[in-house]
């Protein structure tokens, strides 16, 4: 991070990033998580969960860029920086 950010906002971004980048065989999708209850420490799923399968992103940098949309504050999303070698998951 380029500066201090709130932990709840970055937790949402990190969970979104990991679910987009790392393949999972889970029956539930990240898009079905009730974000209000998750922010308060309870994992609940929405009744009318999305039936669309989440499209996996194999390139880490693109997955991070897409996950920035889950931040509720622009300044949190702007603080996120990725340094190092580009990484790609091949499935």
Protein backbone atom coordinates (compact mmCIF):
# COMPACT_ATOMS: atom_id res chain seq x y z
CA UNK A 1 0.00 0.00 0.00
CA UNK A 2 1.20 3.49 -0.72
CA UNK A 3 -0.43 4.80 2.49
CA UNK A 4 -2.50 3.62 5.45
CA UNK A 5 -5.89 2.18 4.54
CA UNK A 6 -8.90 0.73 6.37
CA UNK A 7 -8.71 -2.99 7.09
CA UNK A 8 -12.34 -3.83 6.24
CA UNK A 9 -12.08 -2.33 2.77
CA UNK A 10 -8.82 -4.09 1.97
CA UNK A 11 -10.19 -7.37 3.36
CA UNK A 12 -13.00 -7.18 0.79
CA UNK A 13 -10.53 -6.41 -1.97
CA UNK A 14 -8.18 -9.26 -0.97
CA UNK A 15 -10.98 -11.82 -0.76
CA UNK A 16 -12.28 -10.70 -4.15
CA UNK A 17 -8.77 -10.87 -5.63
CA UNK A 18 -8.11 -14.38 -4.29
CA UNK A 19 -11.47 -15.71 -5.49
CA UNK A 20 -10.85 -14.27 -8.98
CA UNK A 21 -7.25 -15.45 -9.31
CA UNK A 22 -7.07 -18.86 -7.61
CA UNK A 23 -9.29 -21.61 -9.07
CA UNK A 24 -11.77 -23.17 -6.62
CA UNK A 25 -14.11 -26.14 -6.70
CA UNK A 26 -16.41 -24.57 -4.10
CA UNK A 27 -20.15 -24.81 -4.71
CA UNK A 28 -20.68 -21.23 -3.47
CA UNK A 29 -19.38 -18.24 -5.37
CA UNK A 30 -17.84 -15.08 -3.92
CA UNK A 31 -20.65 -13.10 -5.58
CA UNK A 32 -23.15 -14.93 -3.31
CA UNK A 33 -21.57 -13.71 -0.03
CA UNK A 34 -23.65 -11.19 1.94
CA UNK A 35 -21.10 -8.38 2.23
CA UNK A 36 -22.78 -6.65 5.20
CA UNK A 37 -22.68 -9.75 7.40
CA UNK A 38 -19.19 -10.67 6.15
CA UNK A 39 -17.88 -7.22 7.17
CA UNK A 40 -19.15 -7.85 10.70
CA UNK A 41 -17.44 -11.26 10.89
CA UNK A 42 -20.25 -13.64 9.85
CA UNK A 43 -20.17 -15.66 6.67
CA UNK A 44 -23.66 -15.78 5.16
CA UNK A 45 -24.78 -16.27 1.61
CA UNK A 46 -27.58 -14.44 -0.15
CA UNK A 47 -30.74 -16.42 -0.82
CA UNK A 48 -30.79 -15.54 -4.51
CA UNK A 49 -27.09 -16.12 -5.18
CA UNK A 50 -25.73 -15.41 -8.63
CA UNK A 51 -25.88 -18.42 -10.89
CA UNK A 52 -23.23 -17.03 -13.22
CA UNK A 53 -19.88 -18.74 -12.80
CA UNK A 54 -17.19 -16.24 -11.90
CA UNK A 55 -14.67 -15.84 -14.69
CA UNK A 56 -11.21 -16.69 -13.41
CA UNK A 57 -8.34 -14.36 -14.25
CA UNK A 58 -5.03 -16.19 -14.75
CA UNK A 59 -2.84 -13.07 -14.64
CA UNK A 60 -2.24 -11.68 -11.16
CA UNK A 61 -1.99 -8.03 -12.21
CA UNK A 62 -5.34 -8.14 -14.03
CA UNK A 63 -6.96 -9.92 -11.08
CA UNK A 64 -5.73 -7.18 -8.73
CA UNK A 65 -6.98 -4.48 -11.10
CA UNK A 66 -10.44 -6.10 -11.30
CA UNK A 67 -10.63 -6.54 -7.53
CA UNK A 68 -10.08 -2.82 -6.94
CA UNK A 69 -13.75 -2.33 -7.90
CA UNK A 70 -14.78 -4.01 -4.63
CA UNK A 71 -13.27 -1.18 -2.56
CA UNK A 72 -15.85 1.26 -1.22
CA UNK A 73 -13.34 4.13 -1.07
CA UNK A 74 -11.43 5.39 -4.09
CA UNK A 75 -8.40 6.22 -1.93
CA UNK A 76 -8.14 2.58 -0.81
CA UNK A 77 -8.19 1.31 -4.39
CA UNK A 78 -5.63 3.94 -5.40
CA UNK A 79 -3.25 2.86 -2.62
CA UNK A 80 -2.93 -0.71 -3.94
CA UNK A 81 0.35 -1.34 -5.77
CA UNK A 82 1.82 -4.58 -7.11
CA UNK A 83 5.60 -4.88 -7.42
CA UNK A 84 7.68 -7.73 -8.71
CA UNK A 85 7.51 -10.23 -11.51
CA UNK A 86 4.23 -10.79 -13.36
CA UNK A 87 2.68 -14.10 -12.32
CA UNK A 88 0.25 -16.23 -14.30
CA UNK A 89 -1.59 -19.35 -13.12
CA UNK A 90 -1.83 -22.04 -15.77
CA UNK A 91 -4.61 -24.51 -15.12
